Amino acid sequence: MKKVSLEDKTKVLDVYIKRPHCIEHPEVLRAIKSDVLKASNGKVKKGSEAPSPLYNTCMGLYRQFLKDQGLPLKLDGKKARDYKEALTNLISFMKSLAKSNGNSDSDENIKRLFEKLFSSWEQLEDFHKKQIQLPQIYRNIEEIITQIKNGNSTTTKVRDSYKAGVLRDLQSESDA
């Protein structure tokens, strides 16, 4: 049996942690990763790598999005870690999405996807429009993308069709 390196173990855990919709308890995997890192006696430093240029670009796009909304971004402590994790996960999700749709996962393409995400924010339902923190965006990314692709949500279409039906019924009753 091949010996698996500590780095490989943490990479596998990271892959599953970044897919919270696929696992029931991502916090358990985070705890396992923490234990693995502690057991390594510091051989692999958690978060020691510098943010990538793509990460910095996407964070800049997010900051501009907030600025356009008239909101400041103040990050410190746990909030900063949560935002970093959420943005890193969003980038990974966007890369997977691009690949699964047969597109390039290049930095430039991912940047365009983030630009599209933030420029299309007004197309979202009110609930999702209010979910502007990065961890919230990440948790709801699949619904957000679906709404952007479809233009309107299913519930809005149902409400509109229901209203139209009621209006037709009222008009037919008044004509009778």
Protein backbone atom coordinates (compact mmCIF):
# COMPACT_ATOMS: atom_id res chain seq x y z
CA MET A 1 0.00 0.00 0.00
CA LYS A 2 1.31 3.43 -1.00
CA LYS A 3 2.06 5.85 1.84
CA VAL A 4 -0.10 8.93 1.63
CA SER A 5 1.61 12.20 2.50
CA LEU A 6 0.22 14.67 5.01
CA GLU A 7 -0.12 17.23 2.24
CA ASP A 8 -2.22 14.79 0.16
CA LYS A 9 -4.43 14.06 3.16
CA THR A 10 -5.14 17.74 3.79
CA LYS A 11 -5.78 18.35 0.07
CA VAL A 12 -8.42 15.60 0.02
CA LEU A 13 -10.07 17.04 3.12
CA ASP A 14 -10.05 20.50 1.53
CA VAL A 15 -11.83 19.15 -1.55
CA TYR A 16 -14.66 17.77 0.58
CA ILE A 17 -14.81 20.80 2.88
CA LYS A 18 -15.33 23.02 -0.18
CA ARG A 19 -18.45 21.05 -1.11
CA PRO A 20 -20.80 21.65 1.83
CA HIS A 21 -23.82 20.70 -0.27
CA CYS A 22 -22.38 17.20 -0.75
CA ILE A 23 -21.74 16.37 2.90
CA GLU A 24 -23.95 16.51 5.92
CA HIS A 25 -21.42 17.87 8.44
CA PRO A 26 -18.57 19.92 6.89
CA GLU A 27 -17.57 21.07 10.38
CA VAL A 28 -16.55 17.47 11.17
CA LEU A 29 -14.15 17.49 8.22
CA ARG A 30 -12.72 20.83 9.35
CA ALA A 31 -12.12 19.34 12.80
CA ILE A 32 -10.44 16.28 11.26
CA LYS A 33 -8.22 18.54 9.16
CA SER A 34 -7.32 20.55 12.25
CA ASP A 35 -6.40 17.34 14.09
CA VAL A 36 -4.28 16.14 11.16
CA LEU A 37 -2.45 19.48 11.06
CA LYS A 38 -1.87 19.40 14.82
CA ALA A 39 -0.58 15.83 14.61
CA SER A 40 1.90 16.91 11.95
CA ASN A 41 3.70 19.06 14.54
CA GLY A 42 3.64 22.07 12.27
CA LYS A 43 5.03 20.34 9.17
CA VAL A 44 2.19 21.79 7.13
CA LYS A 45 1.21 25.30 8.11
CA LYS A 46 -2.47 26.04 7.77
CA GLY A 47 -3.10 29.11 5.65
CA SER A 48 0.57 29.88 5.24
CA GLU A 49 0.33 30.46 1.50
CA ALA A 50 -0.20 33.98 0.20
CA PRO A 51 -3.50 34.72 -1.53
CA SER A 52 -3.39 34.13 -5.27
CA PRO A 53 -3.73 36.98 -7.75
CA LEU A 54 -7.16 35.55 -8.67
CA TYR A 55 -8.22 35.64 -5.01
CA ASN A 56 -7.13 39.29 -4.77
CA THR A 57 -8.95 40.16 -8.00
CA CYS A 58 -12.18 38.49 -6.84
CA MET A 59 -11.96 40.16 -3.43
CA GLY A 60 -11.53 43.48 -5.25
CA LEU A 61 -14.65 42.78 -7.31
CA TYR A 62 -16.56 41.92 -4.14
CA ARG A 63 -15.36 45.11 -2.41
CA GLN A 64 -16.48 47.15 -5.45
CA PHE A 65 -19.85 45.38 -5.39
CA LEU A 66 -20.30 46.36 -1.73
CA LYS A 67 -19.17 49.90 -2.45
CA ASP A 68 -21.75 50.13 -5.25
CA GLN A 69 -24.36 49.01 -2.70
CA GLY A 70 -23.19 51.77 -0.34
CA LEU A 71 -21.80 49.28 2.18
CA PRO A 72 -18.34 49.18 3.74
CA LEU A 73 -16.35 45.97 4.19
CA LYS A 74 -14.70 45.67 7.58
CA LEU A 75 -12.91 42.38 8.17
CA ASP A 76 -11.19 41.28 11.32
CA GLY A 77 -10.61 38.06 13.25
CA LYS A 78 -13.12 35.30 12.68
CA LYS A 79 -15.05 37.29 10.09
CA ALA A 80 -11.90 37.70 8.00
CA ARG A 81 -11.22 33.95 8.17
CA ASP A 82 -14.84 33.15 7.26
CA TYR A 83 -14.72 35.53 4.28
CA LYS A 84 -11.38 34.14 3.10
CA GLU A 85 -12.70 30.59 3.29
CA ALA A 86 -15.96 31.52 1.55
CA LEU A 87 -14.20 33.36 -1.29
CA THR A 88 -11.69 30.54 -1.75
CA ASN A 89 -14.58 28.09 -1.90
CA LEU A 90 -16.50 30.31 -4.34
CA ILE A 91 -13.47 30.45 -6.63
CA SER A 92 -13.17 26.65 -6.51
CA PHE A 93 -16.89 26.31 -7.19
CA MET A 94 -16.69 28.69 -10.17
CA LYS A 95 -13.72 26.75 -11.58
CA SER A 96 -15.63 23.47 -11.25
CA LEU A 97 -18.71 25.05 -12.80
CA ALA A 98 -16.69 26.40 -15.73
CA LYS A 99 -15.08 23.01 -16.35
CA SER A 100 -18.38 21.11 -16.06
CA ASN A 101 -19.88 23.43 -18.69
CA GLY A 102 -16.92 22.84 -21.02
CA ASN A 103 -15.40 26.27 -20.42
CA SER A 104 -11.94 27.30 -19.34
CA ASP A 105 -11.17 27.65 -15.65
CA SER A 106 -8.55 30.29 -16.39
CA ASP A 107 -8.19 33.22 -14.02
CA GLU A 108 -9.59 35.56 -16.67
CA ASN A 109 -12.70 33.42 -17.16
CA ILE A 110 -13.29 33.11 -13.41
CA LYS A 111 -12.93 36.89 -13.11
CA ARG A 112 -15.63 37.28 -15.79
CA LEU A 113 -17.91 34.88 -13.89
CA PHE A 114 -17.53 36.95 -10.72
CA GLU A 115 -18.19 40.15 -12.67
CA LYS A 116 -21.35 38.57 -14.11
CA LEU A 117 -22.41 37.40 -10.64
CA PHE A 118 -22.16 40.85 -9.09
CA SER A 119 -23.49 42.78 -12.11
CA SER A 120 -26.57 40.53 -12.22
CA TRP A 121 -27.45 40.94 -8.55
CA GLU A 122 -30.61 42.94 -9.28
CA GLN A 123 -32.11 39.92 -11.09
CA LEU A 124 -32.30 37.98 -7.84
CA GLU A 125 -35.28 37.51 -5.57
CA ASP A 126 -35.40 39.90 -2.64
CA PHE A 127 -34.24 37.18 -0.22
CA HIS A 128 -31.05 36.51 -2.17
CA LYS A 129 -30.46 40.21 -2.88
CA LYS A 130 -30.13 40.71 0.87
CA GLN A 131 -27.64 37.84 1.24
CA ILE A 132 -24.52 39.87 0.43
CA GLN A 133 -21.98 38.51 2.88
CA LEU A 134 -19.51 36.16 1.18
CA PRO A 135 -20.38 33.17 3.38
CA GLN A 136 -24.08 33.73 2.55
CA ILE A 137 -23.32 34.01 -1.16
CA TYR A 138 -21.35 30.77 -1.03
CA ARG A 139 -24.10 28.91 0.82
CA ASN A 140 -26.67 30.07 -1.75
CA ILE A 141 -24.52 30.08 -4.89
CA GLU A 142 -26.42 27.34 -6.71
CA GLU A 143 -29.78 29.12 -6.28
CA ILE A 144 -28.18 32.47 -7.17
CA ILE A 145 -26.72 31.11 -10.40
CA THR A 146 -30.02 29.46 -11.30
CA GLN A 147 -31.86 32.75 -10.82
CA ILE A 148 -29.31 34.65 -12.90
CA LYS A 149 -29.50 32.07 -15.71
CA ASN A 150 -33.30 31.93 -15.70
CA GLY A 151 -33.87 35.64 -15.22
CA ASN A 152 -36.73 35.06 -12.80
CA SER A 153 -37.18 32.53 -10.09
CA THR A 154 -39.79 29.78 -10.24
CA THR A 155 -41.68 31.29 -7.32
CA THR A 156 -41.95 34.64 -9.10
CA LYS A 157 -43.23 32.89 -12.22
CA VAL A 158 -45.79 31.00 -10.14
CA ARG A 159 -46.89 34.18 -8.42
CA ASP A 160 -47.20 36.01 -11.74
CA SER A 161 -49.09 33.16 -13.38
CA TYR A 162 -51.35 32.86 -10.35
CA LYS A 163 -52.09 36.59 -10.46
CA ALA A 164 -52.85 36.38 -14.17
CA GLY A 165 -55.21 33.44 -13.56
CA VAL A 166 -57.03 35.24 -10.78
CA LEU A 167 -57.30 38.35 -12.93
CA ARG A 168 -58.75 36.29 -15.83
CA ASP A 169 -61.25 34.65 -13.45
CA LEU A 170 -62.31 38.02 -12.07
CA GLN A 171 -62.71 39.47 -15.56
CA SER A 172 -64.76 36.47 -16.73
CA GLU A 173 -67.01 36.76 -13.66
CA SER A 174 -67.55 40.46 -14.23
CA ASP A 175 -68.35 39.81 -17.92
CA ALA A 176 -71.01 37.25 -16.97
